[in-house]
C-alpha cells in the first residue's frame, strides 16, 4: 500500500521560494525507505542507500536492485525500525556530496549502528555529482566499483575524528584527535 507520493522540481534548482522536492504530509509517510520493497523482493539484505528519489530510481532502472532512498538528509527513526524489522544486515551509504549529505551520512552511521545494522560509507562522489549524475557520466560499473570501496562506519567516523591532523600537527591537536577516536572506539559493538 502506498505511504506517500513524491515530486521534484524539473530543474536542478527550483524557483525562489519553491521546494526542490515535496511529499504528502502525514504520520508514517517516511516509515519505509523508498524502494525497500523492491530490494527485499530481489532477495537483498545488504542494501545501498542514497538521499534522492531520482538517484534511487535511476539506479534501480540501471539494475542495482540493492538501492533504496531515505528521501531526506538521513534515515528517519521509523525507516531504521523498518530496516531492523525486515532483517536488513548492512547498509552502504552514499549521501550527496555536500555539507548536508556529510552530516546526514554521519547521522546515518550512528543511527544504524545503534540499531544493530552494519553501516558502510562509500567514498564521496567527485565534482559535486549526485549518484544519478555520477551514473549518467561514468556508468553503472563505475558505480558498483565505488560501492565496493565502501569502508565500515566506524572507520568513517574515526577518519572524521582525525581529519586535518598529521604526525606534524601540534601535540595538543594530536591528543585531542586521539580522544575523539577513543569515543568512536567506545561505541563499537562486536
C-alpha atoms as a PDB file:
ATOM      1  CA  UNK A   1       0.000   0.000   0.000  1.00  0.00           C
ATOM      2  CA  UNK A   2       1.347   3.458  -0.810  1.00  0.00           C
ATOM      3  CA  UNK A   3       2.752   5.501   2.064  1.00  0.00           C
ATOM      4  CA  UNK A   4       3.183   8.784   0.182  1.00  0.00           C
ATOM      5  CA  UNK A   5       3.755  10.388  -3.208  1.00  0.00           C
ATOM      6  CA  UNK A   6       6.955  12.255  -4.080  1.00  0.00           C
ATOM      7  CA  UNK A   7       7.529  15.055  -6.528  1.00  0.00           C
ATOM      8  CA  UNK A   8      10.608  17.022  -7.570  1.00  0.00           C
ATOM      9  CA  UNK A   9      11.027  20.272  -9.433  1.00  0.00           C
ATOM     10  CA  UNK A  10      12.072  19.557 -13.022  1.00  0.00           C
ATOM     11  CA  UNK A  11      15.174  21.790 -12.944  1.00  0.00           C
ATOM     12  CA  UNK A  12      18.141  21.165 -10.626  1.00  0.00           C
ATOM     13  CA  UNK A  13      17.419  24.438  -8.785  1.00  0.00           C
ATOM     14  CA  UNK A  14      13.769  25.393  -8.196  1.00  0.00           C
ATOM     15  CA  UNK A  15      12.495  28.980  -8.448  1.00  0.00           C
ATOM     16  CA  UNK A  16      12.896  31.178  -5.396  1.00  0.00           C
ATOM     17  CA  UNK A  17      10.506  30.181  -2.631  1.00  0.00           C
ATOM     18  CA  UNK A  18       9.729  26.741  -4.115  1.00  0.00           C
ATOM     19  CA  UNK A  19      10.937  23.489  -2.534  1.00  0.00           C
ATOM     20  CA  UNK A  20      13.125  21.169  -4.613  1.00  0.00           C
ATOM     21  CA  UNK A  21      11.097  18.143  -3.507  1.00  0.00           C
ATOM     22  CA  UNK A  22       7.667  17.605  -1.996  1.00  0.00           C
ATOM     23  CA  UNK A  23       5.875  14.679  -0.405  1.00  0.00           C
ATOM     24  CA  UNK A  24       2.439  14.186   1.029  1.00  0.00           C
ATOM     25  CA  UNK A  25       2.324  15.092   4.710  1.00  0.00           C
ATOM     26  CA  UNK A  26       1.161  12.745   7.412  1.00  0.00           C
ATOM     27  CA  UNK A  27       2.247  10.371  10.102  1.00  0.00           C
ATOM     28  CA  UNK A  28       4.294   7.409   8.912  1.00  0.00           C
ATOM     29  CA  UNK A  29       4.800   8.695   5.361  1.00  0.00           C
ATOM     30  CA  UNK A  30       8.531   8.095   5.792  1.00  0.00           C
ATOM     31  CA  UNK A  31       8.083   4.804   7.603  1.00  0.00           C
ATOM     32  CA  UNK A  32       9.975   2.843   4.958  1.00  0.00           C
ATOM     33  CA  UNK A  33      12.840   3.760   2.629  1.00  0.00           C
ATOM     34  CA  UNK A  34      11.774   4.234  -0.982  1.00  0.00           C
ATOM     35  CA  UNK A  35      12.239   1.008  -2.987  1.00  0.00           C
ATOM     36  CA  UNK A  36      12.814  -1.154   0.100  1.00  0.00           C
ATOM     37  CA  UNK A  37      10.061  -3.420  -1.206  1.00  0.00           C
ATOM     38  CA  UNK A  38      11.954  -3.906  -4.485  1.00  0.00           C
ATOM     39  CA  UNK A  39      15.271  -4.582  -2.747  1.00  0.00           C
ATOM     40  CA  UNK A  40      13.722  -7.161  -0.435  1.00  0.00           C
ATOM     41  CA  UNK A  41      11.827  -8.830  -3.297  1.00  0.00           C
ATOM     42  CA  UNK A  42      15.152  -9.156  -5.108  1.00  0.00           C
ATOM     43  CA  UNK A  43      16.481 -11.028  -2.054  1.00  0.00           C
ATOM     44  CA  UNK A  44      18.812  -8.335  -0.715  1.00  0.00           C
ATOM     45  CA  UNK A  45      19.603  -7.946   2.983  1.00  0.00           C
ATOM     46  CA  UNK A  46      22.672  -5.797   2.264  1.00  0.00           C
ATOM     47  CA  UNK A  47      21.456  -2.501   0.815  1.00  0.00           C
ATOM     48  CA  UNK A  48      22.843   0.679  -0.701  1.00  0.00           C
ATOM     49  CA  UNK A  49      21.144   3.902   0.422  1.00  0.00           C
ATOM     50  CA  UNK A  50      21.055   7.277  -1.313  1.00  0.00           C
ATOM     51  CA  UNK A  51      19.304  10.542  -0.472  1.00  0.00           C
ATOM     52  CA  UNK A  52      17.256  11.279  -3.532  1.00  0.00           C
ATOM     53  CA  UNK A  53      14.197   9.923  -5.267  1.00  0.00           C
ATOM     54  CA  UNK A  54      15.735  10.235  -8.750  1.00  0.00           C
ATOM     55  CA  UNK A  55      19.072   8.816  -7.577  1.00  0.00           C
ATOM     56  CA  UNK A  56      17.361   5.633  -6.408  1.00  0.00           C
ATOM     57  CA  UNK A  57      15.010   5.477  -9.401  1.00  0.00           C
ATOM     58  CA  UNK A  58      17.861   5.694 -11.899  1.00  0.00           C
ATOM     59  CA  UNK A  59      20.000   3.138 -10.053  1.00  0.00           C
ATOM     60  CA  UNK A  60      17.081   0.723  -9.808  1.00  0.00           C
ATOM     61  CA  UNK A  61      16.380   1.195 -13.529  1.00  0.00           C
ATOM     62  CA  UNK A  62      20.055   0.568 -14.350  1.00  0.00           C
ATOM     63  CA  UNK A  63      19.951  -2.732 -12.480  1.00  0.00           C
ATOM     64  CA  UNK A  64      21.265  -2.042  -8.983  1.00  0.00           C
ATOM     65  CA  UNK A  65      18.303  -3.532  -7.140  1.00  0.00           C
ATOM     66  CA  UNK A  66      20.018  -3.050  -3.746  1.00  0.00           C
ATOM     67  CA  UNK A  67      19.423   0.701  -3.840  1.00  0.00           C
ATOM     68  CA  UNK A  68      16.899   2.423  -1.576  1.00  0.00           C
ATOM     69  CA  UNK A  69      16.376   6.109  -0.789  1.00  0.00           C
ATOM     70  CA  UNK A  70      15.796   7.745   2.570  1.00  0.00           C
ATOM     71  CA  UNK A  71      14.496  10.864   0.770  1.00  0.00           C
ATOM     72  CA  UNK A  72      15.909  13.314   3.301  1.00  0.00           C
ATOM     73  CA  UNK A  73      19.224  14.269   4.864  1.00  0.00           C
ATOM     74  CA  UNK A  74      19.177  10.978   6.790  1.00  0.00           C
ATOM     75  CA  UNK A  75      17.024   7.963   7.619  1.00  0.00           C
ATOM     76  CA  UNK A  76      14.021   8.660   9.832  1.00  0.00           C
ATOM     77  CA  UNK A  77      13.705   6.667  13.043  1.00  0.00           C
ATOM     78  CA  UNK A  78      10.739   4.832  11.503  1.00  0.00           C
ATOM     79  CA  UNK A  79      12.808   3.877   8.469  1.00  0.00           C
ATOM     80  CA  UNK A  80      15.553   2.439  10.698  1.00  0.00           C
ATOM     81  CA  UNK A  81      12.939   0.486  12.672  1.00  0.00           C
ATOM     82  CA  UNK A  82      11.623  -0.912   9.379  1.00  0.00           C
ATOM     83  CA  UNK A  83      15.135  -1.956   8.290  1.00  0.00           C
ATOM     84  CA  UNK A  84      15.602  -3.800  11.597  1.00  0.00           C
ATOM     85  CA  UNK A  85      12.174  -5.421  11.414  1.00  0.00           C
ATOM     86  CA  UNK A  86      12.892  -6.590   7.848  1.00  0.00           C
ATOM     87  CA  UNK A  87      16.244  -8.058   8.996  1.00  0.00           C
ATOM     88  CA  UNK A  88      18.486  -5.868   6.849  1.00  0.00           C
ATOM     89  CA  UNK A  89      22.107  -6.786   7.695  1.00  0.00           C
ATOM     90  CA  UNK A  90      24.004  -3.818   6.306  1.00  0.00           C
ATOM     91  CA  UNK A  91      23.541  -0.525   4.523  1.00  0.00           C
ATOM     92  CA  UNK A  92      26.183   1.123   2.349  1.00  0.00           C
ATOM     93  CA  UNK A  93      25.609   4.871   2.477  1.00  0.00           C
ATOM     94  CA  UNK A  94      26.082   7.359  -0.343  1.00  0.00           C
ATOM     95  CA  UNK A  95      25.000  10.810   0.773  1.00  0.00           C
ATOM     96  CA  UNK A  96      25.032  13.740  -1.596  1.00  0.00           C
ATOM     97  CA  UNK A  97      28.498  15.351  -1.842  1.00  0.00           C
ATOM     98  CA  UNK A  98      27.633  18.465   0.132  1.00  0.00           C
ATOM     99  CA  UNK A  99      27.624  19.585   3.767  1.00  0.00           C
ATOM    100  CA  UNK A 100      24.077  18.276   4.318  1.00  0.00           C
ATOM    101  CA  UNK A 101      24.990  14.911   2.819  1.00  0.00           C
ATOM    102  CA  UNK A 102      28.081  14.699   5.027  1.00  0.00           C
ATOM    103  CA  UNK A 103      26.086  15.447   8.188  1.00  0.00           C
ATOM    104  CA  UNK A 104      23.387  13.008   7.095  1.00  0.00           C
ATOM    105  CA  UNK A 105      25.938  10.259   6.465  1.00  0.00           C
ATOM    106  CA  UNK A 106      27.348  10.653   9.972  1.00  0.00           C
ATOM    107  CA  UNK A 107      23.829  10.641  11.423  1.00  0.00           C
ATOM    108  CA  UNK A 108      23.003   7.504   9.416  1.00  0.00           C
ATOM    109  CA  UNK A 109      26.144   5.723  10.613  1.00  0.00           C
ATOM    110  CA  UNK A 110      25.215   6.458  14.219  1.00  0.00           C
ATOM    111  CA  UNK A 111      21.519   5.508  13.846  1.00  0.00           C
ATOM    112  CA  UNK A 112      22.227   2.272  12.006  1.00  0.00           C
ATOM    113  CA  UNK A 113      24.991   1.270  14.431  1.00  0.00           C
ATOM    114  CA  UNK A 114      22.727   1.801  17.429  1.00  0.00           C
ATOM    115  CA  UNK A 115      20.037  -0.312  15.752  1.00  0.00           C
ATOM    116  CA  UNK A 116      22.414  -3.198  15.012  1.00  0.00           C
ATOM    117  CA  UNK A 117      22.548  -2.671  11.243  1.00  0.00           C
ATOM    118  CA  UNK A 118      26.121  -2.564   9.917  1.00  0.00           C
ATOM    119  CA  UNK A 119      26.798   0.779   8.219  1.00  0.00           C
ATOM    120  CA  UNK A 120      29.342   1.219   5.430  1.00  0.00           C
ATOM    121  CA  UNK A 121      30.245   4.512   3.744  1.00  0.00           C
ATOM    122  CA  UNK A 122      31.158   4.921   0.084  1.00  0.00           C
ATOM    123  CA  UNK A 123      33.868   7.367  -0.945  1.00  0.00           C
ATOM    124  CA  UNK A 124      32.372  10.803  -1.525  1.00  0.00           C
ATOM    125  CA  UNK A 125      31.314  11.254  -5.153  1.00  0.00           C
ATOM    126  CA  UNK A 126      33.537  13.623  -7.180  1.00  0.00           C
ATOM    127  CA  UNK A 127      32.768  17.004  -8.674  1.00  0.00           C
ATOM    128  CA  UNK A 128      29.655  17.582  -6.543  1.00  0.00           C
ATOM    129  CA  UNK A 129      27.793  14.896  -8.506  1.00  0.00           C
ATOM    130  CA  UNK A 130      24.727  13.253  -7.025  1.00  0.00           C
ATOM    131  CA  UNK A 131      24.523   9.483  -7.606  1.00  0.00           C
ATOM    132  CA  UNK A 132      22.302   9.863 -10.681  1.00  0.00           C
ATOM    133  CA  UNK A 133      24.752  12.357 -12.221  1.00  0.00           C
ATOM    134  CA  UNK A 134      27.667  10.023 -11.441  1.00  0.00           C
ATOM    135  CA  UNK A 135      25.988   7.011 -13.080  1.00  0.00           C
ATOM    136  CA  UNK A 136      24.926   9.031 -16.133  1.00  0.00           C
ATOM    137  CA  UNK A 137      28.506  10.252 -16.618  1.00  0.00           C
ATOM    138  CA  UNK A 138      30.553   7.189 -15.589  1.00  0.00           C
ATOM    139  CA  UNK A 139      28.163   4.233 -15.938  1.00  0.00           C
ATOM    140  CA  UNK A 140      26.735   1.582 -13.631  1.00  0.00           C
ATOM    141  CA  UNK A 141      30.001  -0.411 -13.468  1.00  0.00           C
ATOM    142  CA  UNK A 142      31.848   2.619 -12.062  1.00  0.00           C
ATOM    143  CA  UNK A 143      29.030   2.948  -9.505  1.00  0.00           C
ATOM    144  CA  UNK A 144      29.350  -0.692  -8.473  1.00  0.00           C
ATOM    145  CA  UNK A 145      33.118  -0.250  -8.099  1.00  0.00           C
ATOM    146  CA  UNK A 146      32.589   2.714  -5.745  1.00  0.00           C
ATOM    147  CA  UNK A 147      30.112   0.691  -3.693  1.00  0.00           C
ATOM    148  CA  UNK A 148      32.800  -1.979  -3.276  1.00  0.00           C
ATOM    149  CA  UNK A 149      35.228   0.693  -1.997  1.00  0.00           C
ATOM    150  CA  UNK A 150      32.994   1.488   0.995  1.00  0.00           C
ATOM    151  CA  UNK A 151      34.562   1.452   4.455  1.00  0.00           C
ATOM    152  CA  UNK A 152      32.920   0.391   7.726  1.00  0.00           C
ATOM    153  CA  UNK A 153      31.044   3.168   9.503  1.00  0.00           C
ATOM    154  CA  UNK A 154      33.497   3.071  12.424  1.00  0.00           C
ATOM    155  CA  UNK A 155      36.411   3.705  10.034  1.00  0.00           C
ATOM    156  CA  UNK A 156      34.475   6.614   8.525  1.00  0.00           C
ATOM    157  CA  UNK A 157      33.815   8.096  11.989  1.00  0.00           C
ATOM    158  CA  UNK A 158      37.467   7.656  13.033  1.00  0.00           C
ATOM    159  CA  UNK A 159      38.555   9.365   9.811  1.00  0.00           C
ATOM    160  CA  UNK A 160      36.356  12.337  10.645  1.00  0.00           C
ATOM    161  CA  UNK A 161      37.833  12.447  14.151  1.00  0.00           C
ATOM    162  CA  UNK A 162      41.348  12.562  12.693  1.00  0.00           C
ATOM    163  CA  UNK A 163      40.552  14.938   9.843  1.00  0.00           C
ATOM    164  CA  UNK A 164      43.263  17.538   9.358  1.00  0.00           C
ATOM    165  CA  UNK A 165      45.569  16.028  11.982  1.00  0.00           C
ATOM    166  CA  UNK A 166      49.006  14.861  10.843  1.00  0.00           C
ATOM    167  CA  UNK A 167      52.068  13.495  12.627  1.00  0.00           C
ATOM    168  CA  UNK A 168      53.490  17.022  12.468  1.00  0.00           C
ATOM    169  CA  UNK A 169      50.395  18.655  13.995  1.00  0.00           C
ATOM    170  CA  UNK A 170      50.897  20.285  17.393  1.00  0.00           C
ATOM    171  CA  UNK A 171      50.881  17.871  20.341  1.00  0.00           C
ATOM    172  CA  UNK A 172      47.617  19.297  21.710  1.00  0.00           C
ATOM    173  CA  UNK A 173      45.785  18.720  18.395  1.00  0.00           C
ATOM    174  CA  UNK A 174      47.072  15.137  18.154  1.00  0.00           C
ATOM    175  CA  UNK A 175      45.973  14.363  21.727  1.00  0.00           C
ATOM    176  CA  UNK A 176      42.511  15.838  21.115  1.00  0.00           C
ATOM    177  CA  UNK A 177      42.217  13.715  17.969  1.00  0.00           C
ATOM    178  CA  UNK A 178      43.137  10.597  19.940  1.00  0.00           C
ATOM    179  CA  UNK A 179      40.407  11.440  22.456  1.00  0.00           C
ATOM    180  CA  UNK A 180      37.871  11.771  19.630  1.00  0.00           C
ATOM    181  CA  UNK A 181      38.908   8.390  18.211  1.00  0.00           C
ATOM    182  CA  UNK A 182      38.580   6.823  21.681  1.00  0.00           C
ATOM    183  CA  UNK A 183      34.958   7.997  21.738  1.00  0.00           C
ATOM    184  CA  UNK A 184      34.431   6.180  18.413  1.00  0.00           C
ATOM    185  CA  UNK A 185      36.034   3.039  19.841  1.00  0.00           C
ATOM    186  CA  UNK A 186      33.749   3.120  22.897  1.00  0.00           C
ATOM    187  CA  UNK A 187      30.733   2.930  20.575  1.00  0.00           C
ATOM    188  CA  UNK A 188      31.963  -0.151  18.680  1.00  0.00           C
ATOM    189  CA  UNK A 189      29.903  -3.288  19.008  1.00  0.00           C
ATOM    190  CA  UNK A 190      31.078  -6.785  18.135  1.00  0.00           C
END
